[in-house]
Amino acid sequence: MPKQLCKIYRSTKKEGMYLYVDRADDLSRIPEVLLQRFGKPELAMTIALSPERKLARADVDKVLAAIAEQGFYLQMPPTVEQYMQDMRDRNDKL
């Protein structure tokens, strides 16, 4: 699969919530109800996604599939359990 240029937007309403969209489509395929809950999207970055690329809190294959199917991928904030597991994984002294 070739690289896909994506824009990543952060939510102004919910810390840790991000929208991944195709750069060409931008926000045109995002349902209005989702945008209302998400808040004013703030561009965090533009990146090239490919199956080889690692993302911090999302599975790149799921992100690419969601963008292809529905036009976006919504990354929710981590739960407390996910956050604690990430901390344990990063610190071998715990």
PDB file of N, CA and C in Angstrom:
ATOM      1  N   MET A   1       0.845  -1.184   0.000  1.00  0.00           N
ATOM      2  CA  MET A   1       0.000   0.000   0.000  1.00  0.00           C
ATOM      3  C   MET A   1       0.889   1.245   0.000  1.00  0.00           C
ATOM      4  N   PRO A   2       0.608   2.196  -0.864  1.00  0.00           N
ATOM      5  CA  PRO A   2       1.423   3.406  -0.903  1.00  0.00           C
ATOM      6  C   PRO A   2       1.159   4.290   0.314  1.00  0.00           C
ATOM      7  N   LYS A   3       2.038   5.232   0.506  1.00  0.00           N
ATOM      8  CA  LYS A   3       1.872   6.173   1.617  1.00  0.00           C
ATOM      9  C   LYS A   3       0.658   7.065   1.360  1.00  0.00           C
ATOM     10  N   GLN A   4      -0.016   7.408   2.440  1.00  0.00           N
ATOM     11  CA  GLN A   4      -1.165   8.301   2.355  1.00  0.00           C
ATOM     12  C   GLN A   4      -0.877   9.529   3.200  1.00  0.00           C
ATOM     13  N   LEU A   5      -1.018  10.697   2.594  1.00  0.00           N
ATOM     14  CA  LEU A   5      -0.823  11.932   3.340  1.00  0.00           C
ATOM     15  C   LEU A   5      -2.066  12.217   4.157  1.00  0.00           C
ATOM     16  N   CYS A   6      -1.863  12.381   5.448  1.00  0.00           N
ATOM     17  CA  CYS A   6      -2.972  12.594   6.372  1.00  0.00           C
ATOM     18  C   CYS A   6      -2.735  13.836   7.219  1.00  0.00           C
ATOM     19  N   LYS A   7      -3.836  14.480   7.555  1.00  0.00           N
ATOM     20  CA  LYS A   7      -3.810  15.566   8.526  1.00  0.00           C
ATOM     21  C   LYS A   7      -4.356  15.025   9.830  1.00  0.00           C
ATOM     22  N   ILE A   8      -3.746  15.444  10.925  1.00  0.00           N
ATOM     23  CA  ILE A   8      -4.211  15.050  12.251  1.00  0.00           C
ATOM     24  C   ILE A   8      -4.627  16.319  12.989  1.00  0.00           C
ATOM     25  N   TYR A   9      -5.879  16.304  13.451  1.00  0.00           N
ATOM     26  CA  TYR A   9      -6.427  17.440  14.187  1.00  0.00           C
ATOM     27  C   TYR A   9      -6.648  17.050  15.639  1.00  0.00           C
ATOM     28  N   ARG A  10      -6.366  17.986  16.553  1.00  0.00           N
ATOM     29  CA  ARG A  10      -6.649  17.763  17.970  1.00  0.00           C
ATOM     30  C   ARG A  10      -7.959  18.455  18.323  1.00  0.00           C
ATOM     31  N   SER A  11      -8.654  17.871  19.282  1.00  0.00           N
ATOM     32  CA  SER A  11      -9.928  18.417  19.742  1.00  0.00           C
ATOM     33  C   SER A  11      -9.697  19.573  20.705  1.00  0.00           C
ATOM     34  N   THR A  12     -10.557  20.585  20.619  1.00  0.00           N
ATOM     35  CA  THR A  12     -10.506  21.688  21.580  1.00  0.00           C
ATOM     36  C   THR A  12     -11.425  21.413  22.769  1.00  0.00           C
ATOM     37  N   LYS A  13     -12.198  20.328  22.683  1.00  0.00           N
ATOM     38  CA  LYS A  13     -13.135  19.999  23.762  1.00  0.00           C
ATOM     39  C   LYS A  13     -12.673  18.846  24.647  1.00  0.00           C
ATOM     40  N   LYS A  14     -11.861  17.959  24.113  1.00  0.00           N
ATOM     41  CA  LYS A  14     -11.476  16.758  24.856  1.00  0.00           C
ATOM     42  C   LYS A  14      -9.985  16.481  24.680  1.00  0.00           C
ATOM     43  N   GLU A  15      -9.241  16.601  25.758  1.00  0.00           N
ATOM     44  CA  GLU A  15      -7.797  16.333  25.741  1.00  0.00           C
ATOM     45  C   GLU A  15      -7.534  14.898  25.298  1.00  0.00           C
ATOM     46  N   GLY A  16      -6.625  14.720  24.354  1.00  0.00           N
ATOM     47  CA  GLY A  16      -6.249  13.389  23.897  1.00  0.00           C
ATOM     48  C   GLY A  16      -7.108  12.833  22.780  1.00  0.00           C
ATOM     49  N   MET A  17      -8.077  13.615  22.289  1.00  0.00           N
ATOM     50  CA  MET A  17      -8.925  13.172  21.182  1.00  0.00           C
ATOM     51  C   MET A  17      -8.380  13.777  19.889  1.00  0.00           C
ATOM     52  N   TYR A  18      -8.208  12.917  18.867  1.00  0.00           N
ATOM     53  CA  TYR A  18      -7.637  13.352  17.593  1.00  0.00           C
ATOM     54  C   TYR A  18      -8.441  12.797  16.430  1.00  0.00           C
ATOM     55  N   LEU A  19      -8.499  13.555  15.339  1.00  0.00           N
ATOM     56  CA  LEU A  19      -9.115  13.124  14.085  1.00  0.00           C
ATOM     57  C   LEU A  19      -8.027  12.988  13.035  1.00  0.00           C
ATOM     58  N   TYR A  20      -7.966  11.834  12.388  1.00  0.00           N
ATOM     59  CA  TYR A  20      -7.057  11.605  11.271  1.00  0.00           C
ATOM     60  C   TYR A  20      -7.900  11.656   9.997  1.00  0.00           C
ATOM     61  N   VAL A  21      -7.486  12.451   9.024  1.00  0.00           N
ATOM     62  CA  VAL A  21      -8.222  12.566   7.762  1.00  0.00           C
ATOM     63  C   VAL A  21      -7.251  12.564   6.593  1.00  0.00           C
ATOM     64  N   ASP A  22      -7.757  12.196   5.420  1.00  0.00           N
ATOM     65  CA  ASP A  22      -6.963  12.288   4.199  1.00  0.00           C
ATOM     66  C   ASP A  22      -6.692  13.767   3.922  1.00  0.00           C
ATOM     67  N   ARG A  23      -5.480  14.080   3.545  1.00  0.00           N
ATOM     68  CA  ARG A  23      -5.121  15.478   3.312  1.00  0.00           C
ATOM     69  C   ARG A  23      -5.964  16.109   2.212  1.00  0.00           C
ATOM     70  N   ALA A  24      -6.250  15.364   1.159  1.00  0.00           N
ATOM     71  CA  ALA A  24      -7.012  15.912   0.034  1.00  0.00           C
ATOM     72  C   ALA A  24      -8.467  16.199   0.419  1.00  0.00           C
ATOM     73  N   ASP A  25      -9.077  15.290   1.202  1.00  0.00           N
ATOM     74  CA  ASP A  25     -10.472  15.471   1.613  1.00  0.00           C
ATOM     75  C   ASP A  25     -10.600  16.431   2.784  1.00  0.00           C
ATOM     76  N   ASP A  26      -9.568  16.522   3.586  1.00  0.00           N
ATOM     77  CA  ASP A  26      -9.546  17.326   4.794  1.00  0.00           C
ATOM     78  C   ASP A  26     -10.768  16.989   5.653  1.00  0.00           C
ATOM     79  N   LEU A  27     -11.529  17.960   6.078  1.00  0.00           N
ATOM     80  CA  LEU A  27     -12.658  17.722   6.981  1.00  0.00           C
ATOM     81  C   LEU A  27     -13.989  17.554   6.252  1.00  0.00           C
ATOM     82  N   SER A  28     -13.968  17.465   4.927  1.00  0.00           N
ATOM     83  CA  SER A  28     -15.204  17.444   4.148  1.00  0.00           C
ATOM     84  C   SER A  28     -16.066  16.206   4.405  1.00  0.00           C
ATOM     85  N   ARG A  29     -15.470  15.102   4.854  1.00  0.00           N
ATOM     86  CA  ARG A  29     -16.229  13.856   5.058  1.00  0.00           C
ATOM     87  C   ARG A  29     -16.588  13.618   6.533  1.00  0.00           C
ATOM     88  N   ILE A  30     -16.329  14.584   7.395  1.00  0.00           N
ATOM     89  CA  ILE A  30     -16.621  14.434   8.818  1.00  0.00           C
ATOM     90  C   ILE A  30     -18.084  14.803   9.066  1.00  0.00           C
ATOM     91  N   PRO A  31     -18.854  13.907   9.709  1.00  0.00           N
ATOM     92  CA  PRO A  31     -20.250  14.239  10.009  1.00  0.00           C
ATOM     93  C   PRO A  31     -20.349  15.473  10.926  1.00  0.00           C
ATOM     94  N   GLU A  32     -21.342  16.299  10.681  1.00  0.00           N
ATOM     95  CA  GLU A  32     -21.519  17.531  11.457  1.00  0.00           C
ATOM     96  C   GLU A  32     -21.663  17.248  12.949  1.00  0.00           C
ATOM     97  N   VAL A  33     -22.385  16.189  13.298  1.00  0.00           N
ATOM     98  CA  VAL A  33     -22.580  15.854  14.714  1.00  0.00           C
ATOM     99  C   VAL A  33     -21.245  15.540  15.399  1.00  0.00           C
ATOM    100  N   LEU A  34     -20.335  14.891  14.684  1.00  0.00           N
ATOM    101  CA  LEU A  34     -19.013  14.607  15.247  1.00  0.00           C
ATOM    102  C   LEU A  34     -18.230  15.905  15.428  1.00  0.00           C
ATOM    103  N   LEU A  35     -18.280  16.786  14.458  1.00  0.00           N
ATOM    104  CA  LEU A  35     -17.569  18.069  14.581  1.00  0.00           C
ATOM    105  C   LEU A  35     -18.092  18.887  15.756  1.00  0.00           C
ATOM    106  N   GLN A  36     -19.383  18.822  16.017  1.00  0.00           N
ATOM    107  CA  GLN A  36     -19.950  19.553  17.158  1.00  0.00           C
ATOM    108  C   GLN A  36     -19.396  19.017  18.473  1.00  0.00           C
ATOM    109  N   ARG A  37     -19.280  17.704  18.585  1.00  0.00           N
ATOM    110  CA  ARG A  37     -18.735  17.100  19.808  1.00  0.00           C
ATOM    111  C   ARG A  37     -17.225  17.258  19.908  1.00  0.00           C
ATOM    112  N   PHE A  38     -16.566  17.271  18.767  1.00  0.00           N
ATOM    113  CA  PHE A  38     -15.104  17.368  18.722  1.00  0.00           C
ATOM    114  C   PHE A  38     -14.631  18.774  19.069  1.00  0.00           C
ATOM    115  N   GLY A  39     -15.413  19.779  18.692  1.00  0.00           N
ATOM    116  CA  GLY A  39     -14.994  21.163  18.885  1.00  0.00           C
ATOM    117  C   GLY A  39     -14.253  21.657  17.661  1.00  0.00           C
ATOM    118  N   LYS A  40     -13.728  22.853  17.743  1.00  0.00           N
ATOM    119  CA  LYS A  40     -12.992  23.435  16.614  1.00  0.00           C
ATOM    120  C   LYS A  40     -11.700  22.645  16.419  1.00  0.00           C
ATOM    121  N   PRO A  41     -11.553  21.969  15.271  1.00  0.00           N
ATOM    122  CA  PRO A  41     -10.340  21.182  15.032  1.00  0.00           C
ATOM    123  C   PRO A  41      -9.100  22.086  14.917  1.00  0.00           C
ATOM    124  N   GLU A  42      -8.055  21.700  15.635  1.00  0.00           N
ATOM    125  CA  GLU A  42      -6.766  22.401  15.550  1.00  0.00           C
ATOM    126  C   GLU A  42      -5.774  21.458  14.875  1.00  0.00           C
ATOM    127  N   LEU A  43      -5.186  21.898  13.771  1.00  0.00           N
ATOM    128  CA  LEU A  43      -4.224  21.064  13.057  1.00  0.00           C
ATOM    129  C   LEU A  43      -3.014  20.786  13.947  1.00  0.00           C
ATOM    130  N   ALA A  44      -2.766  19.501  14.192  1.00  0.00           N
ATOM    131  CA  ALA A  44      -1.618  19.093  14.999  1.00  0.00           C
ATOM    132  C   ALA A  44      -0.416  18.816  14.098  1.00  0.00           C
ATOM    133  N   MET A  45      -0.674  18.100  12.967  1.00  0.00           N
ATOM    134  CA  MET A  45       0.415  17.789  12.041  1.00  0.00           C
ATOM    135  C   MET A  45      -0.130  17.179  10.760  1.00  0.00           C
ATOM    136  N   THR A  46       0.710  17.152   9.762  1.00  0.00           N
ATOM    137  CA  THR A  46       0.450  16.449   8.515  1.00  0.00           C
ATOM    138  C   THR A  46       1.558  15.413   8.374  1.00  0.00           C
ATOM    139  N   ILE A  47       1.163  14.152   8.158  1.00  0.00           N
ATOM    140  CA  ILE A  47       2.154  13.080   8.067  1.00  0.00           C
ATOM    141  C   ILE A  47       1.817  12.129   6.927  1.00  0.00           C
ATOM    142  N   ALA A  48       2.812  11.368   6.512  1.00  0.00           N
ATOM    143  CA  ALA A  48       2.615  10.308   5.522  1.00  0.00           C
ATOM    144  C   ALA A  48       2.451   9.000   6.282  1.00  0.00           C
ATOM    145  N   LEU A  49       1.297   8.376   6.134  1.00  0.00           N
ATOM    146  CA  LEU A  49       1.042   7.099   6.799  1.00  0.00           C
ATOM    147  C   LEU A  49       1.242   5.953   5.829  1.00  0.00           C
ATOM    148  N   SER A  50       1.827   4.878   6.336  1.00  0.00           N
ATOM    149  CA  SER A  50       1.990   3.642   5.586  1.00  0.00           C
ATOM    150  C   SER A  50       1.951   2.509   6.610  1.00  0.00           C
ATOM    151  N   PRO A  51       1.717   1.278   6.166  1.00  0.00           N
ATOM    152  CA  PRO A  51       1.667   0.169   7.118  1.00  0.00           C
ATOM    153  C   PRO A  51       2.947   0.009   7.951  1.00  0.00           C
ATOM    154  N   GLU A  52       4.064   0.486   7.452  1.00  0.00           N
ATOM    155  CA  GLU A  52       5.330   0.360   8.186  1.00  0.00           C
ATOM    156  C   GLU A  52       5.481   1.388   9.295  1.00  0.00           C
ATOM    157  N   ARG A  53       4.701   2.439   9.252  1.00  0.00           N
ATOM    158  CA  ARG A  53       4.839   3.531  10.223  1.00  0.00           C
ATOM    159  C   ARG A  53       4.186   3.151  11.550  1.00  0.00           C
ATOM    160  N   LYS A  54       4.850   3.467  12.637  1.00  0.00           N
ATOM    161  CA  LYS A  54       4.310   3.222  13.970  1.00  0.00           C
ATOM    162  C   LYS A  54       3.677   4.512  14.485  1.00  0.00           C
ATOM    163  N   LEU A  55       2.524   4.370  15.125  1.00  0.00           N
ATOM    164  CA  LEU A  55       1.858   5.493  15.765  1.00  0.00           C
ATOM    165  C   LEU A  55       1.827   5.241  17.268  1.00  0.00           C
ATOM    166  N   ALA A  56       1.853   6.304  18.056  1.00  0.00           N
ATOM    167  CA  ALA A  56       1.935   6.169  19.507  1.00  0.00           C
ATOM    168  C   ALA A  56       0.713   5.497  20.111  1.00  0.00           C
ATOM    169  N   ARG A  57      -0.477   5.888  19.704  1.00  0.00           N
ATOM    170  CA  ARG A  57      -1.680   5.387  20.364  1.00  0.00           C
ATOM    171  C   ARG A  57      -2.718   4.815  19.408  1.00  0.00           C
ATOM    172  N   ALA A  58      -2.320   4.505  18.201  1.00  0.00           N
ATOM    173  CA  ALA A  58      -3.272   3.952  17.242  1.00  0.00           C
ATOM    174  C   ALA A  58      -2.578   2.930  16.352  1.00  0.00           C
ATOM    175  N   ASP A  59      -3.357   1.982  15.869  1.00  0.00           N
ATOM    176  CA  ASP A  59      -2.877   0.975  14.930  1.00  0.00           C
ATOM    177  C   ASP A  59      -2.970   1.572  13.529  1.00  0.00           C
ATOM    178  N   VAL A  60      -1.857   1.727  12.858  1.00  0.00           N
ATOM    179  CA  VAL A  60      -1.831   2.402  11.565  1.00  0.00           C
ATOM    180  C   VAL A  60      -2.711   1.703  10.536  1.00  0.00           C
ATOM    181  N   ASP A  61      -2.813   0.382  10.583  1.00  0.00           N
ATOM    182  CA  ASP A  61      -3.676  -0.334   9.639  1.00  0.00           C
ATOM    183  C   ASP A  61      -5.146   0.025   9.861  1.00  0.00           C
ATOM    184  N   LYS A  62      -5.554   0.136  11.119  1.00  0.00           N
ATOM    185  CA  LYS A  62      -6.928   0.539  11.437  1.00  0.00           C
ATOM    186  C   LYS A  62      -7.194   1.981  11.022  1.00  0.00           C
ATOM    187  N   VAL A  63      -6.207   2.840  11.219  1.00  0.00           N
ATOM    188  CA  VAL A  63      -6.347   4.245  10.824  1.00  0.00           C
ATOM    189  C   VAL A  63      -6.546   4.351   9.320  1.00  0.00           C
ATOM    190  N   LEU A  64      -5.687   3.689   8.556  1.00  0.00           N
ATOM    191  CA  LEU A  64      -5.783   3.744   7.095  1.00  0.00           C
ATOM    192  C   LEU A  64      -7.095   3.145   6.593  1.00  0.00           C
ATOM    193  N   ALA A  65      -7.529   2.037   7.194  1.00  0.00           N
ATOM    194  CA  ALA A  65      -8.788   1.409   6.782  1.00  0.00           C
ATOM    195  C   ALA A  65      -9.977   2.323   7.078  1.00  0.00           C
ATOM    196  N   ALA A  66      -9.993   2.949   8.249  1.00  0.00           N
ATOM    197  CA  ALA A  66     -11.098   3.835   8.615  1.00  0.00           C
ATOM    198  C   ALA A  66     -11.154   5.053   7.697  1.00  0.00           C
ATOM    199  N   ILE A  67     -10.001   5.613   7.362  1.00  0.00           N
ATOM    200  CA  ILE A  67      -9.970   6.768   6.459  1.00  0.00           C
ATOM    201  C   ILE A  67     -10.503   6.369   5.087  1.00  0.00           C
ATOM    202  N   ALA A  68     -10.112   5.191   4.608  1.00  0.00           N
ATOM    203  CA  ALA A  68     -10.581   4.729   3.296  1.00  0.00           C
ATOM    204  C   ALA A  68     -12.086   4.473   3.297  1.00  0.00           C
ATOM    205  N   GLU A  69     -12.605   3.882   4.376  1.00  0.00           N
ATOM    206  CA  GLU A  69     -14.011   3.497   4.433  1.00  0.00           C
ATOM    207  C   GLU A  69     -14.944   4.656   4.770  1.00  0.00           C
ATOM    208  N   GLN A  70     -14.589   5.444   5.786  1.00  0.00           N
ATOM    209  CA  GLN A  70     -15.522   6.466   6.255  1.00  0.00           C
ATOM    210  C   GLN A  70     -14.999   7.893   6.140  1.00  0.00           C
ATOM    211  N   GLY A  71     -13.743   8.036   5.752  1.00  0.00           N
ATOM    212  CA  GLY A  71     -13.184   9.374   5.560  1.00  0.00           C
ATOM    213  C   GLY A  71     -12.458   9.948   6.752  1.00  0.00           C
ATOM    214  N   PHE A  72     -12.424   9.204   7.867  1.00  0.00           N
ATOM    215  CA  PHE A  72     -11.731   9.699   9.055  1.00  0.00           C
ATOM    216  C   PHE A  72     -11.476   8.562  10.025  1.00  0.00           C
ATOM    217  N   TYR A  73     -10.551   8.794  10.957  1.00  0.00           N
ATOM    218  CA  TYR A  73     -10.330   7.904  12.091  1.00  0.00           C
ATOM    219  C   TYR A  73     -10.355   8.784  13.325  1.00  0.00           C
ATOM    220  N   LEU A  74     -11.173   8.425  14.303  1.00  0.00           N
ATOM    221  CA  LEU A  74     -11.267   9.175  15.551  1.00  0.00           C
ATOM    222  C   LEU A  74     -10.479   8.442  16.628  1.00  0.00           C
ATOM    223  N   GLN A  75      -9.454   9.097  17.140  1.00  0.00           N
ATOM    224  CA  GLN A  75      -8.652   8.528  18.224  1.00  0.00           C
ATOM    225  C   GLN A  75      -9.172   9.104  19.535  1.00  0.00           C
ATOM    226  N   MET A  76      -9.670   8.226  20.388  1.00  0.00           N
ATOM    227  CA  MET A  76     -10.200   8.643  21.678  1.00  0.00           C
ATOM    228  C   MET A  76      -9.075   8.756  22.695  1.00  0.00           C
ATOM    229  N   PRO A  77      -9.270   9.556  23.755  1.00  0.00           N
ATOM    230  CA  PRO A  77      -8.254   9.642  24.807  1.00  0.00           C
ATOM    231  C   PRO A  77      -8.066   8.280  25.474  1.00  0.00           C
ATOM    232  N   PRO A  78      -6.881   8.003  25.962  1.00  0.00           N
ATOM    233  CA  PRO A  78      -6.654   6.711  26.612  1.00  0.00           C
ATOM    234  C   PRO A  78      -7.408   6.631  27.943  1.00  0.00           C
ATOM    235  N   THR A  79      -7.824   5.416  28.299  1.00  0.00           N
ATOM    236  CA  THR A  79      -8.416   5.202  29.612  1.00  0.00           C
ATOM    237  C   THR A  79      -7.292   5.218  30.643  1.00  0.00           C
ATOM    238  N   VAL A  80      -7.652   5.270  31.907  1.00  0.00           N
ATOM    239  CA  VAL A  80      -6.648   5.249  32.968  1.00  0.00           C
ATOM    240  C   VAL A  80      -5.833   3.961  32.894  1.00  0.00           C
ATOM    241  N   GLU A  81      -6.514   2.844  32.606  1.00  0.00           N
ATOM    242  CA  GLU A  81      -5.817   1.561  32.518  1.00  0.00           C
ATOM    243  C   GLU A  81      -4.805   1.552  31.366  1.00  0.00           C
ATOM    244  N   GLN A  82      -5.207   2.109  30.213  1.00  0.00           N
ATOM    245  CA  GLN A  82      -4.292   2.184  29.071  1.00  0.00           C
ATOM    246  C   GLN A  82      -3.094   3.068  29.406  1.00  0.00           C
ATOM    247  N   TYR A  83      -3.369   4.192  30.053  1.00  0.00           N
ATOM    248  CA  TYR A  83      -2.297   5.122  30.419  1.00  0.00           C
ATOM    249  C   TYR A  83      -1.301   4.441  31.367  1.00  0.00           C
ATOM    250  N   MET A  84      -1.811   3.734  32.375  1.00  0.00           N
ATOM    251  CA  MET A  84      -0.922   3.062  33.326  1.00  0.00           C
ATOM    252  C   MET A  84      -0.122   1.961  32.645  1.00  0.00           C
ATOM    253  N   GLN A  85      -0.743   1.220  31.729  1.00  0.00           N
ATOM    254  CA  GLN A  85      -0.020   0.175  31.010  1.00  0.00           C
ATOM    255  C   GLN A  85       1.086   0.787  30.151  1.00  0.00           C
ATOM    256  N   ASP A  86       0.796   1.908  29.491  1.00  0.00           N
ATOM    257  CA  ASP A  86       1.821   2.606  28.702  1.00  0.00           C
ATOM    258  C   ASP A  86       2.998   3.015  29.581  1.00  0.00           C
ATOM    259  N   MET A  87       2.702   3.509  30.765  1.00  0.00           N
ATOM    260  CA  MET A  87       3.768   3.921  31.684  1.00  0.00           C
ATOM    261  C   MET A  87       4.614   2.712  32.102  1.00  0.00           C
ATOM    262  N   ARG A  88       3.961   1.586  32.401  1.00  0.00           N
ATOM    263  CA  ARG A  88       4.702   0.370  32.773  1.00  0.00           C
ATOM    264  C   ARG A  88       5.569  -0.116  31.613  1.00  0.00           C
ATOM    265  N   ASP A  89       5.019  -0.041  30.399  1.00  0.00           N
ATOM    266  CA  ASP A  89       5.759  -0.503  29.222  1.00  0.00           C
ATOM    267  C   ASP A  89       6.988   0.354  28.964  1.00  0.00           C
ATOM    268  N   ARG A  90       6.920   1.617  29.304  1.00  0.00           N
ATOM    269  CA  ARG A  90       8.031   2.547  29.031  1.00  0.00           C
ATOM    270  C   ARG A  90       9.073   2.576  30.155  1.00  0.00           C
ATOM    271  N   ASN A  91       8.712   2.069  31.327  1.00  0.00           N
ATOM    272  CA  ASN A  91       9.614   2.148  32.452  1.00  0.00           C
ATOM    273  C   ASN A  91       9.858   0.754  33.007  1.00  0.00           C
ATOM    274  N   ASP A  92      11.033   0.221  32.782  1.00  0.00           N
ATOM    275  CA  ASP A  92      11.315  -1.146  33.221  1.00  0.00           C
ATOM    276  C   ASP A  92      11.553  -1.233  34.733  1.00  0.00           C
ATOM    277  N   LYS A  93      11.525  -0.109  35.452  1.00  0.00           N
ATOM    278  CA  LYS A  93      11.723  -0.123  36.896  1.00  0.00           C
ATOM    279  C   LYS A  93      10.405  -0.313  37.657  1.00  0.00           C
ATOM    280  N   LEU A  94       9.266  -0.251  36.938  1.00  0.00           N
ATOM    281  CA  LEU A  94       7.966  -0.428  37.611  1.00  0.00           C
ATOM    282  C   LEU A  94       7.596  -1.880  37.689  1.00  0.00           C
TER     283      LEU A  94
END
